[in-house]
Structure formats: structure tokens, C-alpha cells
PDB file of N, CA and C in Angstrom:
ATOM      1  N   MET A   1       1.263  -2.638  -8.188  1.00  0.00           N
ATOM      2  CA  MET A   1       0.351  -3.475  -8.910  1.00  0.00           C
ATOM      3  C   MET A   1      -0.847  -2.655  -9.343  1.00  0.00           C
ATOM      4  N   ASP A   2      -1.519  -3.105 -10.320  1.00  0.00           N
ATOM      5  CA  ASP A   2      -2.669  -2.410 -10.884  1.00  0.00           C
ATOM      6  C   ASP A   2      -3.950  -3.067 -10.384  1.00  0.00           C
ATOM      7  N   LEU A   3      -4.636  -2.408  -9.461  1.00  0.00           N
ATOM      8  CA  LEU A   3      -5.866  -2.987  -8.913  1.00  0.00           C
ATOM      9  C   LEU A   3      -6.981  -3.073  -9.936  1.00  0.00           C
ATOM     10  N   ASP A   4      -6.851  -2.360 -11.042  1.00  0.00           N
ATOM     11  CA  ASP A   4      -7.847  -2.467 -12.110  1.00  0.00           C
ATOM     12  C   ASP A   4      -7.608  -3.703 -12.974  1.00  0.00           C
ATOM     13  N   GLY A   5      -6.467  -4.341 -12.813  1.00  0.00           N
ATOM     14  CA  GLY A   5      -6.151  -5.532 -13.593  1.00  0.00           C
ATOM     15  C   GLY A   5      -7.013  -6.715 -13.173  1.00  0.00           C
ATOM     16  N   ALA A   6      -7.001  -7.729 -13.990  1.00  0.00           N
ATOM     17  CA  ALA A   6      -7.835  -8.909 -13.765  1.00  0.00           C
ATOM     18  C   ALA A   6      -7.550  -9.572 -12.421  1.00  0.00           C
ATOM     19  N   GLY A   7      -8.590  -9.866 -11.691  1.00  0.00           N
ATOM     20  CA  GLY A   7      -8.483 -10.652 -10.474  1.00  0.00           C
ATOM     21  C   GLY A   7      -8.406  -9.898  -9.167  1.00  0.00           C
ATOM     22  N   TRP A   8      -7.935  -8.672  -9.179  1.00  0.00           N
ATOM     23  CA  TRP A   8      -7.749  -7.944  -7.923  1.00  0.00           C
ATOM     24  C   TRP A   8      -9.066  -7.553  -7.272  1.00  0.00           C
ATOM     25  N   HIS A   9     -10.157  -7.526  -8.022  1.00  0.00           N
ATOM     26  CA  HIS A   9     -11.461  -7.193  -7.441  1.00  0.00           C
ATOM     27  C   HIS A   9     -11.831  -8.162  -6.323  1.00  0.00           C
ATOM     28  N   ARG A  10     -11.254  -9.357  -6.327  1.00  0.00           N
ATOM     29  CA  ARG A  10     -11.567 -10.363  -5.307  1.00  0.00           C
ATOM     30  C   ARG A  10     -11.193  -9.903  -3.901  1.00  0.00           C
ATOM     31  N   LEU A  11     -10.261  -8.980  -3.799  1.00  0.00           N
ATOM     32  CA  LEU A  11      -9.902  -8.456  -2.473  1.00  0.00           C
ATOM     33  C   LEU A  11     -11.082  -7.784  -1.792  1.00  0.00           C
ATOM     34  N   PHE A  12     -12.011  -7.259  -2.571  1.00  0.00           N
ATOM     35  CA  PHE A  12     -13.094  -6.453  -2.026  1.00  0.00           C
ATOM     36  C   PHE A  12     -14.371  -7.251  -1.777  1.00  0.00           C
ATOM     37  N   LEU A  13     -14.368  -8.549  -2.053  1.00  0.00           N
ATOM     38  CA  LEU A  13     -15.538  -9.391  -1.813  1.00  0.00           C
ATOM     39  C   LEU A  13     -15.695  -9.643  -0.318  1.00  0.00           C
ATOM     40  N   GLU A  14     -16.896  -9.960   0.111  1.00  0.00           N
ATOM     41  CA  GLU A  14     -17.133 -10.210   1.539  1.00  0.00           C
ATOM     42  C   GLU A  14     -16.388 -11.440   2.039  1.00  0.00           C
ATOM     43  N   SER A  15     -16.197 -12.426   1.197  1.00  0.00           N
ATOM     44  CA  SER A  15     -15.402 -13.594   1.572  1.00  0.00           C
ATOM     45  C   SER A  15     -14.519 -13.961   0.381  1.00  0.00           C
ATOM     46  N   PRO A  16     -13.399 -14.615   0.637  1.00  0.00           N
ATOM     47  CA  PRO A  16     -12.462 -14.885  -0.450  1.00  0.00           C
ATOM     48  C   PRO A  16     -13.074 -15.783  -1.524  1.00  0.00           C
ATOM     49  N   ALA A  17     -12.808 -15.455  -2.763  1.00  0.00           N
ATOM     50  CA  ALA A  17     -13.272 -16.262  -3.890  1.00  0.00           C
ATOM     51  C   ALA A  17     -12.381 -17.491  -4.022  1.00  0.00           C
ATOM     52  N   LYS A  18     -12.945 -18.546  -4.580  1.00  0.00           N
ATOM     53  CA  LYS A  18     -12.153 -19.762  -4.786  1.00  0.00           C
ATOM     54  C   LYS A  18     -10.980 -19.501  -5.724  1.00  0.00           C
ATOM     55  N   GLU A  19     -11.211 -18.636  -6.711  1.00  0.00           N
ATOM     56  CA  GLU A  19     -10.111 -18.265  -7.593  1.00  0.00           C
ATOM     57  C   GLU A  19      -9.159 -17.375  -6.806  1.00  0.00           C
ATOM     58  N   GLY A  20      -7.906 -17.527  -7.043  1.00  0.00           N
ATOM     59  CA  GLY A  20      -6.935 -16.728  -6.322  1.00  0.00           C
ATOM     60  C   GLY A  20      -6.733 -15.356  -6.928  1.00  0.00           C
ATOM     61  N   LEU A  21      -5.777 -14.674  -6.387  1.00  0.00           N
ATOM     62  CA  LEU A  21      -5.378 -13.366  -6.895  1.00  0.00           C
ATOM     63  C   LEU A  21      -4.326 -13.554  -7.986  1.00  0.00           C
ATOM     64  N   PRO A  22      -4.033 -12.507  -8.752  1.00  0.00           N
ATOM     65  CA  PRO A  22      -2.989 -12.615  -9.781  1.00  0.00           C
ATOM     66  C   PRO A  22      -1.610 -12.979  -9.221  1.00  0.00           C
ATOM     67  N   VAL A  23      -1.396 -12.771  -7.940  1.00  0.00           N
ATOM     68  CA  VAL A  23      -0.154 -13.155  -7.268  1.00  0.00           C
ATOM     69  C   VAL A  23      -0.504 -14.284  -6.311  1.00  0.00           C
ATOM     70  N   SER A  24       0.199 -15.406  -6.400  1.00  0.00           N
ATOM     71  CA  SER A  24      -0.165 -16.552  -5.572  1.00  0.00           C
ATOM     72  C   SER A  24       0.574 -16.611  -4.243  1.00  0.00           C
ATOM     73  N   GLN A  25       1.719 -15.973  -4.157  1.00  0.00           N
ATOM     74  CA  GLN A  25       2.442 -15.950  -2.887  1.00  0.00           C
ATOM     75  C   GLN A  25       3.299 -14.696  -2.797  1.00  0.00           C
ATOM     76  N   THR A  26       3.569 -14.310  -1.569  1.00  0.00           N
ATOM     77  CA  THR A  26       4.393 -13.133  -1.323  1.00  0.00           C
ATOM     78  C   THR A  26       4.977 -13.251   0.076  1.00  0.00           C
ATOM     79  N   ASP A  27       6.046 -12.535   0.326  1.00  0.00           N
ATOM     80  CA  ASP A  27       6.683 -12.565   1.638  1.00  0.00           C
ATOM     81  C   ASP A  27       6.124 -11.515   2.583  1.00  0.00           C
ATOM     82  N   PHE A  28       5.493 -10.477   2.024  1.00  0.00           N
ATOM     83  CA  PHE A  28       5.132  -9.306   2.823  1.00  0.00           C
ATOM     84  C   PHE A  28       4.066  -8.538   2.057  1.00  0.00           C
ATOM     85  N   VAL A  29       3.059  -8.033   2.743  1.00  0.00           N
ATOM     86  CA  VAL A  29       2.017  -7.234   2.090  1.00  0.00           C
ATOM     87  C   VAL A  29       1.922  -5.880   2.776  1.00  0.00           C
ATOM     88  N   VAL A  30       2.020  -4.823   1.996  1.00  0.00           N
ATOM     89  CA  VAL A  30       1.757  -3.467   2.464  1.00  0.00           C
ATOM     90  C   VAL A  30       0.757  -2.881   1.483  1.00  0.00           C
ATOM     91  N   ALA A  31      -0.377  -2.423   2.005  1.00  0.00           N
ATOM     92  CA  ALA A  31      -1.415  -1.873   1.131  1.00  0.00           C
ATOM     93  C   ALA A  31      -1.936  -0.569   1.709  1.00  0.00           C
ATOM     94  N   PHE A  32      -2.234   0.355   0.827  1.00  0.00           N
ATOM     95  CA  PHE A  32      -2.817   1.637   1.198  1.00  0.00           C
ATOM     96  C   PHE A  32      -4.252   1.642   0.684  1.00  0.00           C
ATOM     97  N   LEU A  33      -5.135   1.033   1.462  1.00  0.00           N
ATOM     98  CA  LEU A  33      -6.544   0.888   1.090  1.00  0.00           C
ATOM     99  C   LEU A  33      -7.413   1.111   2.318  1.00  0.00           C
ATOM    100  N   ASN A  34      -8.524   1.789   2.148  1.00  0.00           N
ATOM    101  CA  ASN A  34      -9.478   1.924   3.241  1.00  0.00           C
ATOM    102  C   ASN A  34     -10.241   0.613   3.369  1.00  0.00           C
ATOM    103  N   ASP A  35     -10.296   0.073   4.569  1.00  0.00           N
ATOM    104  CA  ASP A  35     -10.887  -1.245   4.803  1.00  0.00           C
ATOM    105  C   ASP A  35     -11.831  -1.191   5.996  1.00  0.00           C
ATOM    106  N   GLU A  36     -12.833  -0.346   5.913  1.00  0.00           N
ATOM    107  CA  GLU A  36     -13.731  -0.125   7.046  1.00  0.00           C
ATOM    108  C   GLU A  36     -14.439  -1.396   7.499  1.00  0.00           C
ATOM    109  N   GLY A  37     -14.857  -2.238   6.576  1.00  0.00           N
ATOM    110  CA  GLY A  37     -15.564  -3.465   6.941  1.00  0.00           C
ATOM    111  C   GLY A  37     -14.657  -4.631   7.264  1.00  0.00           C
ATOM    112  N   GLY A  38     -13.386  -4.510   6.967  1.00  0.00           N
ATOM    113  CA  GLY A  38     -12.427  -5.565   7.260  1.00  0.00           C
ATOM    114  C   GLY A  38     -12.328  -6.661   6.209  1.00  0.00           C
ATOM    115  N   ALA A  39     -13.090  -6.553   5.111  1.00  0.00           N
ATOM    116  CA  ALA A  39     -13.079  -7.599   4.075  1.00  0.00           C
ATOM    117  C   ALA A  39     -11.709  -7.731   3.417  1.00  0.00           C
ATOM    118  N   ILE A  40     -11.048  -6.617   3.180  1.00  0.00           N
ATOM    119  CA  ILE A  40      -9.745  -6.675   2.504  1.00  0.00           C
ATOM    120  C   ILE A  40      -8.740  -7.433   3.364  1.00  0.00           C
ATOM    121  N   ARG A  41      -8.687  -7.117   4.645  1.00  0.00           N
ATOM    122  CA  ARG A  41      -7.751  -7.817   5.539  1.00  0.00           C
ATOM    123  C   ARG A  41      -8.094  -9.304   5.622  1.00  0.00           C
ATOM    124  N   ARG A  42      -9.374  -9.625   5.770  1.00  0.00           N
ATOM    125  CA  ARG A  42      -9.776 -11.041   5.833  1.00  0.00           C
ATOM    126  C   ARG A  42      -9.346 -11.781   4.568  1.00  0.00           C
ATOM    127  N   ASN A  43      -9.582 -11.176   3.424  1.00  0.00           N
ATOM    128  CA  ASN A  43      -9.228 -11.828   2.167  1.00  0.00           C
ATOM    129  C   ASN A  43      -7.718 -11.956   2.001  1.00  0.00           C
ATOM    130  N   LEU A  44      -6.986 -10.920   2.351  1.00  0.00           N
ATOM    131  CA  LEU A  44      -5.527 -11.014   2.269  1.00  0.00           C
ATOM    132  C   LEU A  44      -5.006 -12.119   3.182  1.00  0.00           C
ATOM    133  N   ASN A  45      -5.562 -12.215   4.384  1.00  0.00           N
ATOM    134  CA  ASN A  45      -5.156 -13.283   5.302  1.00  0.00           C
ATOM    135  C   ASN A  45      -5.485 -14.657   4.731  1.00  0.00           C
ATOM    136  N   ALA A  46      -6.627 -14.771   4.048  1.00  0.00           N
ATOM    137  CA  ALA A  46      -7.012 -16.057   3.454  1.00  0.00           C
ATOM    138  C   ALA A  46      -6.119 -16.410   2.265  1.00  0.00           C
ATOM    139  N   TYR A  47      -5.820 -15.436   1.429  1.00  0.00           N
ATOM    140  CA  TYR A  47      -4.996 -15.689   0.244  1.00  0.00           C
ATOM    141  C   TYR A  47      -3.520 -15.871   0.590  1.00  0.00           C
ATOM    142  N   PHE A  48      -3.061 -15.194   1.627  1.00  0.00           N
ATOM    143  CA  PHE A  48      -1.647 -15.241   2.003  1.00  0.00           C
ATOM    144  C   PHE A  48      -1.492 -15.592   3.484  1.00  0.00           C
ATOM    145  N   PRO A  49      -1.852 -16.824   3.868  1.00  0.00           N
ATOM    146  CA  PRO A  49      -1.719 -17.198   5.277  1.00  0.00           C
ATOM    147  C   PRO A  49      -0.248 -17.153   5.711  1.00  0.00           C
ATOM    148  N   ASN A  50      -0.038 -16.816   6.952  1.00  0.00           N
ATOM    149  CA  ASN A  50       1.310 -16.735   7.534  1.00  0.00           C
ATOM    150  C   ASN A  50       2.192 -15.680   6.878  1.00  0.00           C
ATOM    151  N   THR A  51       1.567 -14.696   6.248  1.00  0.00           N
ATOM    152  CA  THR A  51       2.304 -13.594   5.632  1.00  0.00           C
ATOM    153  C   THR A  51       1.993 -12.315   6.398  1.00  0.00           C
ATOM    154  N   PRO A  52       2.995 -11.538   6.786  1.00  0.00           N
ATOM    155  CA  PRO A  52       2.712 -10.263   7.449  1.00  0.00           C
ATOM    156  C   PRO A  52       1.916  -9.345   6.519  1.00  0.00           C
ATOM    157  N   ILE A  53       0.800  -8.828   7.032  1.00  0.00           N
ATOM    158  CA  ILE A  53      -0.070  -7.954   6.247  1.00  0.00           C
ATOM    159  C   ILE A  53      -0.213  -6.632   6.985  1.00  0.00           C
ATOM    160  N   HIS A  54       0.075  -5.553   6.293  1.00  0.00           N
ATOM    161  CA  HIS A  54       0.006  -4.216   6.874  1.00  0.00           C
ATOM    162  C   HIS A  54      -0.883  -3.352   5.994  1.00  0.00           C
ATOM    163  N   LEU A  55      -2.008  -2.926   6.542  1.00  0.00           N
ATOM    164  CA  LEU A  55      -2.931  -2.050   5.822  1.00  0.00           C
ATOM    165  C   LEU A  55      -2.877  -0.661   6.430  1.00  0.00           C
ATOM    166  N   PHE A  56      -2.819   0.327   5.571  1.00  0.00           N
ATOM    167  CA  PHE A  56      -2.823   1.719   5.999  1.00  0.00           C
ATOM    168  C   PHE A  56      -3.901   2.454   5.226  1.00  0.00           C
ATOM    169  N   PRO A  57      -4.493   3.484   5.826  1.00  0.00           N
ATOM    170  CA  PRO A  57      -5.475   4.283   5.084  1.00  0.00           C
ATOM    171  C   PRO A  57      -4.848   4.863   3.815  1.00  0.00           C
ATOM    172  N   SER A  58      -5.679   5.041   2.816  1.00  0.00           N
ATOM    173  CA  SER A  58      -5.199   5.579   1.538  1.00  0.00           C
ATOM    174  C   SER A  58      -4.567   6.953   1.693  1.00  0.00           C
ATOM    175  N   PHE A  59      -5.080   7.719   2.644  1.00  0.00           N
ATOM    176  CA  PHE A  59      -4.606   9.087   2.863  1.00  0.00           C
ATOM    177  C   PHE A  59      -4.365   9.304   4.350  1.00  0.00           C
ATOM    178  N   PRO A  60      -3.549  10.283   4.708  1.00  0.00           N
ATOM    179  CA  PRO A  60      -3.374  10.620   6.125  1.00  0.00           C
ATOM    180  C   PRO A  60      -4.707  11.033   6.746  1.00  0.00           C
ATOM    181  N   ALA A  61      -4.749  11.055   8.058  1.00  0.00           N
ATOM    182  CA  ALA A  61      -5.964  11.467   8.768  1.00  0.00           C
ATOM    183  C   ALA A  61      -6.367  12.876   8.343  1.00  0.00           C
ATOM    184  N   LYS A  62      -7.660  13.098   8.298  1.00  0.00           N
ATOM    185  CA  LYS A  62      -8.172  14.414   7.898  1.00  0.00           C
ATOM    186  C   LYS A  62      -7.590  15.484   8.821  1.00  0.00           C
ATOM    187  N   GLY A  63      -7.086  16.519   8.216  1.00  0.00           N
ATOM    188  CA  GLY A  63      -6.500  17.612   8.987  1.00  0.00           C
ATOM    189  C   GLY A  63      -5.018  17.438   9.284  1.00  0.00           C
ATOM    190  N   GLU A  64      -4.490  16.236   9.083  1.00  0.00           N
ATOM    191  CA  GLU A  64      -3.062  16.016   9.323  1.00  0.00           C
ATOM    192  C   GLU A  64      -2.268  16.636   8.178  1.00  0.00           C
ATOM    193  N   LYS A  65      -1.375  17.525   8.514  1.00  0.00           N
ATOM    194  CA  LYS A  65      -0.575  18.208   7.493  1.00  0.00           C
ATOM    195  C   LYS A  65       0.739  17.447   7.330  1.00  0.00           C
ATOM    196  N   ILE A  66       0.768  16.611   6.298  1.00  0.00           N
ATOM    197  CA  ILE A  66       1.948  15.793   6.048  1.00  0.00           C
ATOM    198  C   ILE A  66       2.080  15.582   4.539  1.00  0.00           C
ATOM    199  N   HIS A  67       3.280  15.651   4.047  1.00  0.00           N
ATOM    200  CA  HIS A  67       3.557  15.411   2.629  1.00  0.00           C
ATOM    201  C   HIS A  67       3.344  13.923   2.343  1.00  0.00           C
ATOM    202  N   VAL A  68       2.861  13.606   1.159  1.00  0.00           N
ATOM    203  CA  VAL A  68       2.563  12.216   0.814  1.00  0.00           C
ATOM    204  C   VAL A  68       3.807  11.328   0.919  1.00  0.00           C
ATOM    205  N   ALA A  69       4.966  11.838   0.543  1.00  0.00           N
ATOM    206  CA  ALA A  69       6.191  11.043   0.646  1.00  0.00           C
ATOM    207  C   ALA A  69       6.506  10.725   2.103  1.00  0.00           C
ATOM    208  N   ARG A  70       6.272  11.676   2.977  1.00  0.00           N
ATOM    209  CA  ARG A  70       6.521  11.448   4.407  1.00  0.00           C
ATOM    210  C   ARG A  70       5.503  10.460   4.972  1.00  0.00           C
ATOM    211  N   TYR A  71       4.239  10.592   4.568  1.00  0.00           N
ATOM    212  CA  TYR A  71       3.193   9.674   5.024  1.00  0.00           C
ATOM    213  C   TYR A  71       3.524   8.236   4.619  1.00  0.00           C
ATOM    214  N   ILE A  72       3.863   8.039   3.358  1.00  0.00           N
ATOM    215  CA  ILE A  72       4.162   6.689   2.873  1.00  0.00           C
ATOM    216  C   ILE A  72       5.397   6.123   3.567  1.00  0.00           C
ATOM    217  N   SER A  73       6.443   6.915   3.690  1.00  0.00           N
ATOM    218  CA  SER A  73       7.664   6.409   4.326  1.00  0.00           C
ATOM    219  C   SER A  73       7.435   6.106   5.808  1.00  0.00           C
ATOM    220  N   ASN A  74       6.622   6.905   6.498  1.00  0.00           N
ATOM    221  CA  ASN A  74       6.287   6.600   7.896  1.00  0.00           C
ATOM    222  C   ASN A  74       5.548   5.267   7.993  1.00  0.00           C
ATOM    223  N   CYS A  75       4.602   5.039   7.083  1.00  0.00           N
ATOM    224  CA  CYS A  75       3.839   3.788   7.086  1.00  0.00           C
ATOM    225  C   CYS A  75       4.749   2.592   6.814  1.00  0.00           C
ATOM    226  N   LEU A  76       5.657   2.730   5.863  1.00  0.00           N
ATOM    227  CA  LEU A  76       6.568   1.630   5.552  1.00  0.00           C
ATOM    228  C   LEU A  76       7.466   1.306   6.739  1.00  0.00           C
ATOM    229  N   LYS A  77       7.897   2.328   7.456  1.00  0.00           N
ATOM    230  CA  LYS A  77       8.699   2.120   8.671  1.00  0.00           C
ATOM    231  C   LYS A  77       7.869   1.390   9.725  1.00  0.00           C
ATOM    232  N   THR A  78       6.614   1.813   9.902  1.00  0.00           N
ATOM    233  CA  THR A  78       5.716   1.164  10.856  1.00  0.00           C
ATOM    234  C   THR A  78       5.507  -0.305  10.498  1.00  0.00           C
ATOM    235  N   ALA A  79       5.473  -0.609   9.207  1.00  0.00           N
ATOM    236  CA  ALA A  79       5.285  -1.990   8.747  1.00  0.00           C
ATOM    237  C   ALA A  79       6.528  -2.850   8.985  1.00  0.00           C
ATOM    238  N   GLY A  80       7.630  -2.208   9.334  1.00  0.00           N
ATOM    239  CA  GLY A  80       8.842  -2.958   9.633  1.00  0.00           C
ATOM    240  C   GLY A  80       9.887  -2.957   8.538  1.00  0.00           C
ATOM    241  N   LEU A  81       9.662  -2.185   7.497  1.00  0.00           N
ATOM    242  CA  LEU A  81      10.665  -2.114   6.436  1.00  0.00           C
ATOM    243  C   LEU A  81      11.828  -1.229   6.876  1.00  0.00           C
ATOM    244  N   PRO A  82      13.037  -1.556   6.444  1.00  0.00           N
ATOM    245  CA  PRO A  82      14.208  -0.783   6.860  1.00  0.00           C
ATOM    246  C   PRO A  82      14.308   0.529   6.078  1.00  0.00           C
ATOM    247  N   ILE A  83      13.583   1.515   6.538  1.00  0.00           N
ATOM    248  CA  ILE A  83      13.555   2.800   5.851  1.00  0.00           C
ATOM    249  C   ILE A  83      13.691   3.912   6.879  1.00  0.00           C
ATOM    250  N   ASP A  84      14.391   4.943   6.502  1.00  0.00           N
ATOM    251  CA  ASP A  84      14.504   6.142   7.329  1.00  0.00           C
ATOM    252  C   ASP A  84      13.521   7.158   6.744  1.00  0.00           C
ATOM    253  N   PRO A  85      12.354   7.364   7.379  1.00  0.00           N
ATOM    254  CA  PRO A  85      11.341   8.252   6.811  1.00  0.00           C
ATOM    255  C   PRO A  85      11.854   9.651   6.504  1.00  0.00           C
ATOM    256  N   ARG A  86      12.681  10.188   7.380  1.00  0.00           N
ATOM    257  CA  ARG A  86      13.193  11.542   7.150  1.00  0.00           C
ATOM    258  C   ARG A  86      14.062  11.591   5.898  1.00  0.00           C
ATOM    259  N   ALA A  87      14.971  10.636   5.764  1.00  0.00           N
ATOM    260  CA  ALA A  87      15.853  10.601   4.593  1.00  0.00           C
ATOM    261  C   ALA A  87      15.054  10.338   3.313  1.00  0.00           C
ATOM    262  N   ALA A  88      14.064   9.456   3.393  1.00  0.00           N
ATOM    263  CA  ALA A  88      13.238   9.164   2.215  1.00  0.00           C
ATOM    264  C   ALA A  88      12.471  10.405   1.777  1.00  0.00           C
ATOM    265  N   PHE A  89      11.934  11.137   2.750  1.00  0.00           N
ATOM    266  CA  PHE A  89      11.197  12.357   2.440  1.00  0.00           C
ATOM    267  C   PHE A  89      12.115  13.396   1.798  1.00  0.00           C
ATOM    268  N   GLU A  90      13.279  13.601   2.401  1.00  0.00           N
ATOM    269  CA  GLU A  90      14.219  14.584   1.857  1.00  0.00           C
ATOM    270  C   GLU A  90      14.641  14.209   0.439  1.00  0.00           C
ATOM    271  N   ASN A  91      14.850  12.926   0.186  1.00  0.00           N
ATOM    272  CA  ASN A  91      15.218  12.474  -1.154  1.00  0.00           C
ATOM    273  C   ASN A  91      14.080  12.723  -2.143  1.00  0.00           C
ATOM    274  N   ALA A  92      12.842  12.485  -1.721  1.00  0.00           N
ATOM    275  CA  ALA A  92      11.688  12.711  -2.597  1.00  0.00           C
ATOM    276  C   ALA A  92      11.542  14.189  -2.941  1.00  0.00           C
ATOM    277  N   VAL A  93      11.818  15.050  -1.985  1.00  0.00           N
ATOM    278  CA  VAL A  93      11.709  16.488  -2.222  1.00  0.00           C
ATOM    279  C   VAL A  93      12.840  16.968  -3.140  1.00  0.00           C
ATOM    280  N   MET A  94      14.039  16.456  -2.928  1.00  0.00           N
ATOM    281  CA  MET A  94      15.192  16.891  -3.717  1.00  0.00           C
ATOM    282  C   MET A  94      15.209  16.292  -5.128  1.00  0.00           C
ATOM    283  N   HIS A  95      14.601  15.119  -5.293  1.00  0.00           N
ATOM    284  CA  HIS A  95      14.637  14.420  -6.584  1.00  0.00           C
ATOM    285  C   HIS A  95      13.237  13.938  -6.957  1.00  0.00           C
ATOM    286  N   PRO A  96      12.333  14.855  -7.291  1.00  0.00           N
ATOM    287  CA  PRO A  96      10.964  14.449  -7.619  1.00  0.00           C
ATOM    288  C   PRO A  96      10.919  13.604  -8.891  1.00  0.00           C
ATOM    289  N   LEU A  97       9.917  12.723  -8.955  1.00  0.00           N
ATOM    290  CA  LEU A  97       9.737  11.910 -10.157  1.00  0.00           C
ATOM    291  C   LEU A  97       9.364  12.764 -11.355  1.00  0.00           C
ATOM    292  N   MET A  98       8.621  13.826 -11.093  1.00  0.00           N
ATOM    293  CA  MET A  98       8.186  14.714 -12.169  1.00  0.00           C
ATOM    294  C   MET A  98       8.544  16.148 -11.817  1.00  0.00           C
ATOM    295  N   SER A  99       8.840  16.915 -12.831  1.00  0.00           N
ATOM    296  CA  SER A  99       9.050  18.346 -12.649  1.00  0.00           C
ATOM    297  C   SER A  99       8.688  19.018 -13.963  1.00  0.00           C
ATOM    298  N   MET A 100       8.571  20.312 -13.935  1.00  0.00           N
ATOM    299  CA  MET A 100       8.233  21.042 -15.160  1.00  0.00           C
ATOM    300  C   MET A 100       9.340  20.880 -16.208  1.00  0.00           C
ATOM    301  N   GLU A 101      10.586  20.771 -15.746  1.00  0.00           N
ATOM    302  CA  GLU A 101      11.698  20.621 -16.672  1.00  0.00           C
ATOM    303  C   GLU A 101      11.797  19.196 -17.206  1.00  0.00           C
ATOM    304  N   ARG A 102      11.290  18.224 -16.432  1.00  0.00           N
ATOM    305  CA  ARG A 102      11.427  16.822 -16.801  1.00  0.00           C
ATOM    306  C   ARG A 102      10.108  16.093 -16.547  1.00  0.00           C
ATOM    307  N   PRO A 103       9.100  16.322 -17.391  1.00  0.00           N
ATOM    308  CA  PRO A 103       7.810  15.665 -17.162  1.00  0.00           C
ATOM    309  C   PRO A 103       7.910  14.153 -17.351  1.00  0.00           C
ATOM    310  N   LEU A 104       7.077  13.440 -16.624  1.00  0.00           N
ATOM    311  CA  LEU A 104       7.027  11.984 -16.731  1.00  0.00           C
ATOM    312  C   LEU A 104       6.555  11.589 -18.119  1.00  0.00           C
ATOM    313  N   GLN A 105       7.227  10.643 -18.723  1.00  0.00           N
ATOM    314  CA  GLN A 105       6.868  10.236 -20.090  1.00  0.00           C
ATOM    315  C   GLN A 105       6.071   8.969 -20.092  1.00  0.00           C
TER     316      GLN A 105
END
């Protein structure tokens, strides 16, 4: 989803806005956002009650040497998604979305 799109700014307010988010319901939430004050989690819980919400830092811990594909796949596994982080990482390395021979269009 595009957080710059209309309505998503409401996630960052101190309390949930009466207007909803661009998505009114979902079965599962996984987000890679820094939420030091807890406003994002509170708002997600308010907008999506009874929905599993998993927040992860935008980036791995400082000093942690990990490839972004491995970091994301580890987080998705932690959230309970049926993913094999090792296989996902190996697939990302073997089949990158972009390469010099095949730039993203």
C-alpha cells in the first residue's frame, strides 16, 4: 500500500480519527514502521479490532548484518505467515526483482 495516498496519515495521529483508513477491514496486518510512541499500534487496533497486528521496525537493529530479504522473511515468519525464511532469502538472491540486465520498468 502507498502510505502517501489519501487517508493513511491517520495511522500517525495520537488517537484514531473518526474517518477510517482507505481499507475498512482486513484479516491480518503486518507493518514495517517505527512506532516509538505506540500511536500506530493503538490506531491499528482501533481501526481493525480483533485483527492480528504485527509491527516490526523499518530496518534491522543497528549493527545487525542481515540482508533485507532475510530480515523481511524472518519478520513474516515471526508474524505467523507460512514462510521459510531461508528459502525466501535464497529465492530473492537467485531471482532479484532488478538487475543490470533487466532493470525495473
